[in-house]
Every structure is written in structure tokens, then in C-alpha cells.
Amino acid sequence: MVLSVTLHVLIVGIALTGWSWSSPEHEPPPRSISARLITQQEPEPSPVVDLADQQKRDEERRAEEQRKQAEAEKRRQEEEARRVAEQKQREEEKRLQQHQQQKEREQQEAEAREREARKAREEEAARQKAEAEAKERERQKAEEEKRRQEEARKKAEEQKRRQEEQRKREDAERKRQEELARQEAERKRLEAERKLREQQLEAQADEARRAREAEARRQQEAAAAKAREAQMLSESEKYQALIRERLSQAWYPPSSATEEMTARLQITLLPTGELASVKLVSSSGNTAFDNSALGAVRSLSRYPIPNERDTFERYFRQFTIEFNPRRLR
């Protein structure tokens, strides 16, 4: 019994001694090494996509672009046709106006010629009448002379004197009639000139009135266009703010993003507000950052756009937006 206890004590002592001798020394933990592989910055390969799907999307995009180009060409041709029609209409109106003015001038000239012809006829009639009266007087004088030849010679000198006085009176009357005719002709000429001046003044007044009306219309149209431009700008700013808000909510920048990174994207929309295409026009230098911005743009099923077509075409058919961790612009 004593031998057995002694043997067990000896075995336990040897075991404790060996454990102390074989226990390893505690070594300090190895230092961590931070390393970074430096390579030339190359764009990371695009995610693998199905070739057939990619071709289909390219064909659809090309077809959509061709349709848009055809629609734009059609609108341009329609606008050109409308402009040509308006130009022709203005030229026709101008030609009609010139024709009317020429017709009025010709009518005035015809009236002036008619007045002069009437005057000439009246003068010729007066001359013929005077000649007929003179001939009649000469005939009467000849007959009287024949009767007077039978009278005494003593009455010849008195008759001659009366004849001389008669001739002077006739000359005076003729001159008076000619002066009256000349005065009447001068009065008619002055009256014609007065009427012509009045017509010219009326035409100038009408032209000045039309010019004032045209200027007033131009100013009204300019004011309306300016008001329309201001309204479109205000409307565009409202919807641009809505689009930035939607994109800000849909964008999740990667953890590697910094405040200095900026990606600039070009967005093309359909009139329904749906996304037609998006293109990266200025990279941030970080592919993950660029892809997150592209993903945010593609994630919106429909963009808020104004109902007014002119405002959409001018501001929202195609526009650019910058993605930056601090702001969307």
C-alpha cells in the first residue's frame, strides 16, 4: 500500500516537472502589414450582359433615334412650308396693295386727263361759237352794207364810226371772255392740285397709321414672348428641382465615394416622362461611383415633366445632371 502511494506520488512529480520543461515560450503576435496593389487605372469591365439582349437594345435605341430624327425632320419641313406659305401670302398682299395704289394713281391721272379734255372741248366750243357769231355778224354786216349803200353818202362816215366802236366792244368782250376762261382753267387746275395733295396726305396718314399699328403689334408680341419665356423658365426650375429630389432619393453612392468625385450624365426623356437614354459624358474617375449614378437614373420609371410641350422640348427633352455626394446639380 505504501509502495503504491509512493509510486503514484513519483509519477505525478515527474509529470509536473516535464510539463514545466516542455511549455513553449509566449511569442509576440506578428505585426499586420497593409499593402495596396498599384496598377495603371483602367476602366473596370462592364458587367457581363447577354449579347442578343444588348443587340436588341441597340437596335431599339437606333430605331427610336431614327424615329425622333424623322419626326424632327417632318416638323422642320412643316415649319418651312408654313414659313414659305406665310411669305407668299405677305408678298401677295403687298402685290395687291401696290396694284390697288397703281390703279388709284391711274384713275386720278385719267380724271385729270378727262378734265383737261373737257376743258379743251369747252374752249374749242367757245372758239367755234365765237367764230360762228363772228361769221353771222359779218354776214349781217354785209347785208346791212348793201342796204346802207343805197343811203346817202353823209351817213357813211357815221356808219363807219359805229362799226369801229362795235369792233372795239367785240374785242373787249372777246378779251373779257378769254380772261374768264383762263381764270376758270386756272381755278380748275388749282382745285385738281389741291385734291391731289389731299389724297397724298391721306395716303401718308394711312401709311403712318399702319406703321404704328404694326409697331404696336410687334411690341405686344414681344411682351407676350417675354412673359411666355419667363413662365417656361419658372416651370422648368420647378420640375428640375423635382427631378433632382427623385434622383437624390434613388441614388446610393458607394462607400468609396469622396466629396471631390463628380459624374456628369446626359439624360434623354420621352414626352411621357420615360427615360429614353442616359450617357456618361464626364466620369468621376471611379467606376463604382459612375455606375451608381447611372443606376439611379435608370431606376426611375417615370420622370416628373411639365405638361406644356414647348417647355418639355426646350428643357427636358435632353439635359445634363451632375452627381456629387454633397449635391445634385
Protein backbone atom coordinates (compact mmCIF):
# COMPACT_ATOMS: atom_id res chain seq x y z
CA MET A 1 0.00 0.00 0.00
CA VAL A 2 2.83 2.38 0.95
CA LEU A 3 4.71 1.31 -2.18
CA SER A 4 1.69 2.04 -4.34
CA VAL A 5 1.19 5.50 -2.85
CA THR A 6 4.90 6.27 -3.21
CA LEU A 7 4.83 5.20 -6.87
CA HIS A 8 1.88 7.44 -7.66
CA VAL A 9 3.50 10.44 -5.97
CA LEU A 10 6.65 9.86 -8.03
CA ILE A 11 4.70 9.65 -11.29
CA VAL A 12 2.83 12.93 -10.53
CA GLY A 13 6.11 14.73 -9.71
CA ILE A 14 7.75 13.58 -12.92
CA ALA A 15 4.69 14.73 -14.90
CA LEU A 16 4.71 18.20 -13.36
CA THR A 17 8.42 18.57 -13.94
CA GLY A 18 8.10 17.57 -17.64
CA TRP A 19 5.21 20.00 -18.20
CA SER A 20 7.28 22.86 -16.87
CA TRP A 21 10.20 21.88 -19.15
CA SER A 22 8.12 21.49 -22.33
CA SER A 23 5.84 24.52 -22.07
CA PRO A 24 6.63 26.87 -25.05
CA GLU A 25 7.62 30.47 -24.62
CA HIS A 26 4.94 33.05 -25.47
CA GLU A 27 5.91 34.83 -28.76
CA PRO A 28 4.57 38.30 -29.62
CA PRO A 29 1.82 38.31 -32.28
CA PRO A 30 3.02 39.14 -35.81
CA ARG A 31 2.66 42.72 -36.99
CA SER A 32 -0.10 43.38 -39.57
CA ILE A 33 1.12 44.65 -42.94
CA SER A 34 -1.09 46.93 -45.02
CA ALA A 35 -0.36 46.60 -48.73
CA ARG A 36 -2.04 48.01 -51.83
CA LEU A 37 -1.55 46.81 -55.36
CA ILE A 38 -0.76 49.76 -57.62
CA THR A 39 -1.64 49.31 -61.29
CA GLN A 40 -2.49 51.54 -64.21
CA GLN A 41 -6.05 52.77 -63.84
CA GLU A 42 -8.07 51.04 -66.43
CA PRO A 43 -11.83 51.06 -66.65
CA GLU A 44 -13.27 48.02 -65.00
CA PRO A 45 -15.01 45.75 -67.43
CA SER A 46 -18.70 46.32 -67.80
CA PRO A 47 -20.97 43.75 -66.26
CA VAL A 48 -21.41 40.73 -68.47
CA VAL A 49 -24.66 41.01 -70.39
CA ASP A 50 -26.30 38.78 -72.89
CA LEU A 51 -25.10 39.67 -76.42
CA ALA A 52 -28.52 39.15 -78.00
CA ASP A 53 -30.19 41.42 -75.41
CA GLN A 54 -27.54 44.05 -75.95
CA GLN A 55 -28.00 43.95 -79.75
CA LYS A 56 -31.76 44.15 -79.31
CA ARG A 57 -31.44 47.18 -77.05
CA ASP A 58 -29.03 48.81 -79.53
CA GLU A 59 -31.46 48.19 -82.39
CA GLU A 60 -34.35 49.59 -80.36
CA ARG A 61 -32.27 52.62 -79.43
CA ARG A 62 -31.24 53.21 -83.07
CA ALA A 63 -34.86 52.78 -84.20
CA GLU A 64 -36.00 55.28 -81.58
CA GLU A 65 -33.30 57.74 -82.63
CA GLN A 66 -34.27 57.33 -86.31
CA ARG A 67 -37.92 57.92 -85.39
CA LYS A 68 -37.01 61.03 -83.48
CA GLN A 69 -34.87 62.28 -86.36
CA ALA A 70 -37.73 61.60 -88.80
CA GLU A 71 -40.19 63.45 -86.56
CA ALA A 72 -37.75 66.37 -86.20
CA GLU A 73 -37.25 66.46 -89.98
CA LYS A 74 -41.01 66.33 -90.53
CA ARG A 75 -41.55 69.20 -88.08
CA ARG A 76 -38.78 71.17 -89.78
CA GLN A 77 -40.33 70.61 -93.23
CA GLU A 78 -43.78 71.57 -91.94
CA GLU A 79 -42.35 74.72 -90.35
CA GLU A 80 -40.52 75.54 -93.58
CA ALA A 81 -43.71 75.01 -95.61
CA ARG A 82 -45.66 77.23 -93.21
CA ARG A 83 -42.99 79.91 -93.38
CA VAL A 84 -42.96 79.79 -97.22
CA ALA A 85 -46.78 79.99 -97.30
CA GLU A 86 -46.76 82.99 -94.97
CA GLN A 87 -44.06 84.66 -97.08
CA LYS A 88 -46.10 84.08 -100.24
CA GLN A 89 -49.20 85.45 -98.55
CA ARG A 90 -47.33 88.59 -97.46
CA GLU A 91 -45.92 89.05 -100.95
CA GLU A 92 -49.39 88.58 -102.47
CA GLU A 93 -50.88 91.14 -100.08
CA LYS A 94 -48.08 93.57 -100.90
CA ARG A 95 -48.60 93.00 -104.64
CA LEU A 96 -52.36 93.57 -104.27
CA GLN A 97 -51.74 96.73 -102.29
CA GLN A 98 -49.29 98.03 -104.91
CA HIS A 99 -51.77 97.10 -107.64
CA GLN A 100 -54.54 99.00 -105.83
CA GLN A 101 -52.29 102.03 -105.39
CA GLN A 102 -51.30 101.90 -109.07
CA LYS A 103 -54.97 101.61 -110.02
CA GLU A 104 -55.82 104.65 -107.89
CA ARG A 105 -52.97 106.65 -109.45
CA GLU A 106 -54.12 105.66 -112.94
CA GLN A 107 -57.69 106.64 -112.06
CA GLN A 108 -56.50 110.00 -110.78
CA GLU A 109 -54.44 110.56 -113.94
CA ALA A 110 -57.42 109.54 -116.10
CA GLU A 111 -59.63 112.01 -114.23
CA ALA A 112 -57.03 114.74 -114.73
CA ARG A 113 -56.81 113.94 -118.46
CA GLU A 114 -60.63 113.94 -118.66
CA ARG A 115 -60.77 117.37 -117.01
CA GLU A 116 -58.17 118.72 -119.43
CA ALA A 117 -60.01 117.19 -122.41
CA ARG A 118 -63.30 118.66 -121.17
CA LYS A 119 -61.61 121.99 -120.79
CA ALA A 120 -60.22 121.76 -124.33
CA ARG A 121 -63.64 120.83 -125.67
CA GLU A 122 -65.22 123.75 -123.88
CA GLU A 123 -62.57 126.09 -125.21
CA GLU A 124 -62.98 124.72 -128.73
CA ALA A 125 -66.77 125.05 -128.46
CA ALA A 126 -66.38 128.65 -127.26
CA ARG A 127 -63.98 129.36 -130.10
CA GLN A 128 -66.31 127.82 -132.69
CA LYS A 129 -69.23 129.69 -131.21
CA ALA A 130 -67.27 132.95 -131.36
CA GLU A 131 -66.31 132.20 -134.94
CA ALA A 132 -69.92 131.36 -135.83
CA GLU A 133 -71.08 134.55 -134.15
CA ALA A 134 -68.40 136.50 -135.95
CA LYS A 135 -69.39 134.96 -139.26
CA GLU A 136 -73.01 135.69 -138.53
CA ARG A 137 -72.15 139.27 -137.70
CA GLU A 138 -70.11 139.58 -140.85
CA ARG A 139 -72.99 138.26 -142.85
CA GLN A 140 -75.36 140.70 -141.21
CA LYS A 141 -72.87 143.46 -141.73
CA ALA A 142 -72.57 142.56 -145.39
CA GLU A 143 -76.33 142.66 -145.81
CA GLU A 144 -76.53 145.91 -143.89
CA GLU A 145 -73.77 147.31 -146.01
CA LYS A 146 -75.72 146.51 -149.11
CA ARG A 147 -78.68 148.33 -147.64
CA ARG A 148 -76.53 151.20 -146.49
CA GLN A 149 -75.03 151.61 -149.95
CA GLU A 150 -78.38 152.98 -151.04
CA GLU A 151 -78.32 155.61 -148.29
CA ALA A 152 -76.76 158.95 -148.64
CA ARG A 153 -73.08 159.38 -148.51
CA LYS A 154 -73.35 161.61 -145.50
CA LYS A 155 -74.32 158.62 -143.38
CA ALA A 156 -71.26 156.60 -144.49
CA GLU A 157 -68.83 158.20 -142.02
CA GLU A 158 -71.24 157.79 -139.09
CA GLN A 159 -71.76 154.19 -140.01
CA LYS A 160 -68.05 153.62 -140.17
CA ARG A 161 -67.62 155.17 -136.72
CA ARG A 162 -70.32 152.95 -135.26
CA GLN A 163 -68.69 149.94 -136.87
CA GLU A 164 -65.33 150.84 -135.31
CA GLU A 165 -66.89 151.18 -131.87
CA GLN A 166 -68.67 147.89 -132.37
CA ARG A 167 -65.40 146.19 -133.24
CA LYS A 168 -63.72 147.60 -130.15
CA ARG A 169 -66.54 146.45 -127.96
CA GLU A 170 -66.33 142.98 -129.52
CA ASP A 171 -62.58 142.88 -128.98
CA ALA A 172 -63.06 143.90 -125.37
CA GLU A 173 -65.78 141.32 -124.90
CA ARG A 174 -63.64 138.65 -126.52
CA LYS A 175 -60.72 139.53 -124.30
CA ARG A 176 -63.01 139.50 -121.27
CA GLN A 177 -64.31 136.07 -122.23
CA GLU A 178 -60.78 134.77 -122.78
CA GLU A 179 -59.73 136.11 -119.37
CA LEU A 180 -62.73 134.46 -117.74
CA ALA A 181 -61.90 131.19 -119.50
CA ARG A 182 -58.27 131.47 -118.38
CA GLN A 183 -59.32 132.17 -114.78
CA GLU A 184 -61.69 129.19 -114.83
CA ALA A 185 -58.96 126.94 -116.18
CA GLU A 186 -56.55 128.16 -113.50
CA ARG A 187 -59.19 127.58 -110.82
CA LYS A 188 -59.74 124.02 -112.04
CA ARG A 189 -56.00 123.37 -112.14
CA LEU A 190 -55.55 124.62 -108.58
CA GLU A 191 -58.55 122.57 -107.43
CA ALA A 192 -57.05 119.47 -109.04
CA GLU A 193 -53.71 120.12 -107.36
CA ARG A 194 -55.45 120.64 -104.01
CA LYS A 195 -57.33 117.34 -104.33
CA LEU A 196 -54.12 115.56 -105.30
CA ARG A 197 -52.30 116.99 -102.25
CA GLU A 198 -55.17 115.93 -100.00
CA GLN A 199 -55.07 112.42 -101.43
CA GLN A 200 -51.31 112.26 -100.92
CA LEU A 201 -51.66 113.45 -97.33
CA GLU A 202 -54.38 110.88 -96.68
CA ALA A 203 -52.19 108.14 -98.13
CA GLN A 204 -49.27 109.25 -95.93
CA ALA A 205 -51.56 109.33 -92.88
CA ASP A 206 -52.81 105.81 -93.68
CA GLU A 207 -49.26 104.57 -94.08
CA ALA A 208 -48.21 106.14 -90.76
CA ARG A 209 -51.25 104.60 -89.04
CA ARG A 210 -50.42 101.17 -90.43
CA ALA A 211 -46.82 101.57 -89.27
CA ARG A 212 -47.98 102.48 -85.76
CA GLU A 213 -50.35 99.53 -85.67
CA ALA A 214 -47.58 97.19 -86.86
CA GLU A 215 -45.20 98.52 -84.20
CA ALA A 216 -47.88 98.10 -81.52
CA ARG A 217 -48.48 94.50 -82.64
CA ARG A 218 -44.74 93.84 -82.61
CA GLN A 219 -44.40 95.20 -79.07
CA GLN A 220 -47.37 93.15 -77.89
CA GLU A 221 -45.92 90.01 -79.44
CA ALA A 222 -42.51 90.72 -77.88
CA ALA A 223 -44.12 91.24 -74.46
CA ALA A 224 -46.12 88.03 -74.83
CA ALA A 225 -42.99 86.11 -75.88
CA LYS A 226 -41.06 87.50 -72.89
CA ALA A 227 -43.85 86.55 -70.49
CA ARG A 228 -44.01 83.10 -72.07
CA GLU A 229 -40.25 82.69 -71.70
CA ALA A 230 -40.41 83.65 -68.01
CA GLN A 231 -43.27 81.22 -67.40
CA MET A 232 -41.39 78.39 -69.16
CA LEU A 233 -38.24 79.12 -67.13
CA SER A 234 -40.17 79.12 -63.84
CA GLU A 235 -41.92 75.89 -64.79
CA SER A 236 -38.62 74.25 -65.80
CA GLU A 237 -36.95 75.21 -62.50
CA LYS A 238 -39.80 73.60 -60.54
CA TYR A 239 -39.57 70.30 -62.41
CA GLN A 240 -35.76 70.32 -62.36
CA ALA A 241 -35.94 70.53 -58.58
CA LEU A 242 -38.39 67.59 -58.52
CA ILE A 243 -36.09 65.51 -60.75
CA ARG A 244 -33.06 66.24 -58.53
CA GLU A 245 -35.10 65.26 -55.47
CA ARG A 246 -36.20 61.94 -57.06
CA LEU A 247 -32.66 61.11 -58.18
CA SER A 248 -31.27 62.03 -54.76
CA GLN A 249 -33.70 59.60 -53.15
CA ALA A 250 -32.84 56.83 -55.63
CA TRP A 251 -29.04 57.29 -55.52
CA TYR A 252 -26.87 55.24 -53.19
CA PRO A 253 -23.21 56.32 -53.59
CA PRO A 254 -20.61 53.63 -52.94
CA SER A 255 -18.62 53.62 -49.73
CA SER A 256 -15.53 54.64 -51.72
CA ALA A 257 -17.15 57.90 -52.83
CA THR A 258 -15.48 61.16 -51.83
CA GLU A 259 -16.78 64.72 -51.91
CA GLU A 260 -14.42 65.56 -54.78
CA MET A 261 -15.98 62.96 -57.11
CA THR A 262 -18.41 64.25 -59.71
CA ALA A 263 -20.05 62.32 -62.54
CA ARG A 264 -21.83 64.24 -65.30
CA LEU A 265 -24.65 62.42 -67.13
CA GLN A 266 -26.71 63.34 -70.20
CA ILE A 267 -30.37 62.25 -69.89
CA THR A 268 -32.84 61.98 -72.79
CA LEU A 269 -36.55 61.67 -71.98
CA LEU A 270 -39.66 60.80 -73.94
CA PRO A 271 -42.70 63.12 -73.91
CA THR A 272 -44.33 60.65 -71.50
CA GLY A 273 -41.59 61.21 -68.91
CA GLU A 274 -40.00 57.83 -69.55
CA LEU A 275 -36.25 57.51 -69.87
CA ALA A 276 -35.11 57.23 -73.50
CA SER A 277 -31.35 57.04 -72.86
CA VAL A 278 -28.62 58.07 -70.44
CA LYS A 279 -24.97 58.66 -71.28
CA LEU A 280 -21.94 59.33 -69.10
CA VAL A 281 -20.36 62.49 -70.54
CA SER A 282 -17.86 63.16 -67.73
CA SER A 283 -16.55 60.40 -65.45
CA SER A 284 -15.73 60.84 -61.79
CA GLY A 285 -12.70 58.59 -62.15
CA ASN A 286 -14.38 55.91 -60.06
CA THR A 287 -16.27 53.21 -61.95
CA ALA A 288 -18.42 52.22 -58.96
CA PHE A 289 -19.36 55.87 -58.44
CA ASP A 290 -20.27 56.28 -62.15
CA ASN A 291 -22.30 53.05 -62.17
CA SER A 292 -24.22 54.11 -59.05
CA ALA A 293 -25.18 57.38 -60.75
CA LEU A 294 -26.24 55.53 -63.93
CA GLY A 295 -28.24 53.08 -61.84
CA ALA A 296 -30.06 55.92 -60.05
CA VAL A 297 -31.05 57.48 -63.38
CA ARG A 298 -32.28 54.14 -64.76
CA SER A 299 -34.16 53.27 -61.58
CA LEU A 300 -36.83 55.94 -62.10
CA SER A 301 -39.68 54.51 -64.15
CA ARG A 302 -41.08 57.95 -64.95
CA TYR A 303 -39.66 61.44 -64.53
CA PRO A 304 -41.74 64.44 -63.47
CA ILE A 305 -42.07 66.69 -66.52
CA PRO A 306 -44.30 69.69 -67.36
CA ASN A 307 -47.47 69.21 -69.40
CA GLU A 308 -46.54 72.07 -71.73
CA ARG A 309 -44.86 70.55 -74.80
CA ASP A 310 -42.73 73.61 -75.61
CA THR A 311 -41.27 73.66 -72.09
CA PHE A 312 -40.53 69.92 -72.29
CA GLU A 313 -38.84 70.19 -75.69
CA ARG A 314 -36.68 73.11 -74.59
CA TYR A 315 -35.61 71.99 -71.11
CA PHE A 316 -36.38 68.28 -70.62
CA ARG A 317 -36.04 66.52 -73.97
CA GLN A 318 -32.30 66.27 -73.26
CA PHE A 319 -30.40 67.71 -70.29
CA THR A 320 -27.32 67.01 -68.14
CA ILE A 321 -27.06 66.48 -64.40
CA GLU A 322 -24.05 66.21 -62.07
CA PHE A 323 -23.83 63.63 -59.28
CA ASN A 324 -21.75 64.66 -56.29
CA PRO A 325 -22.01 63.35 -52.71
CA ARG A 326 -22.68 66.88 -51.49
CA ARG A 327 -25.21 67.89 -54.12
CA LEU A 328 -27.09 67.03 -57.28
CA ARG A 329 -26.86 69.79 -59.89
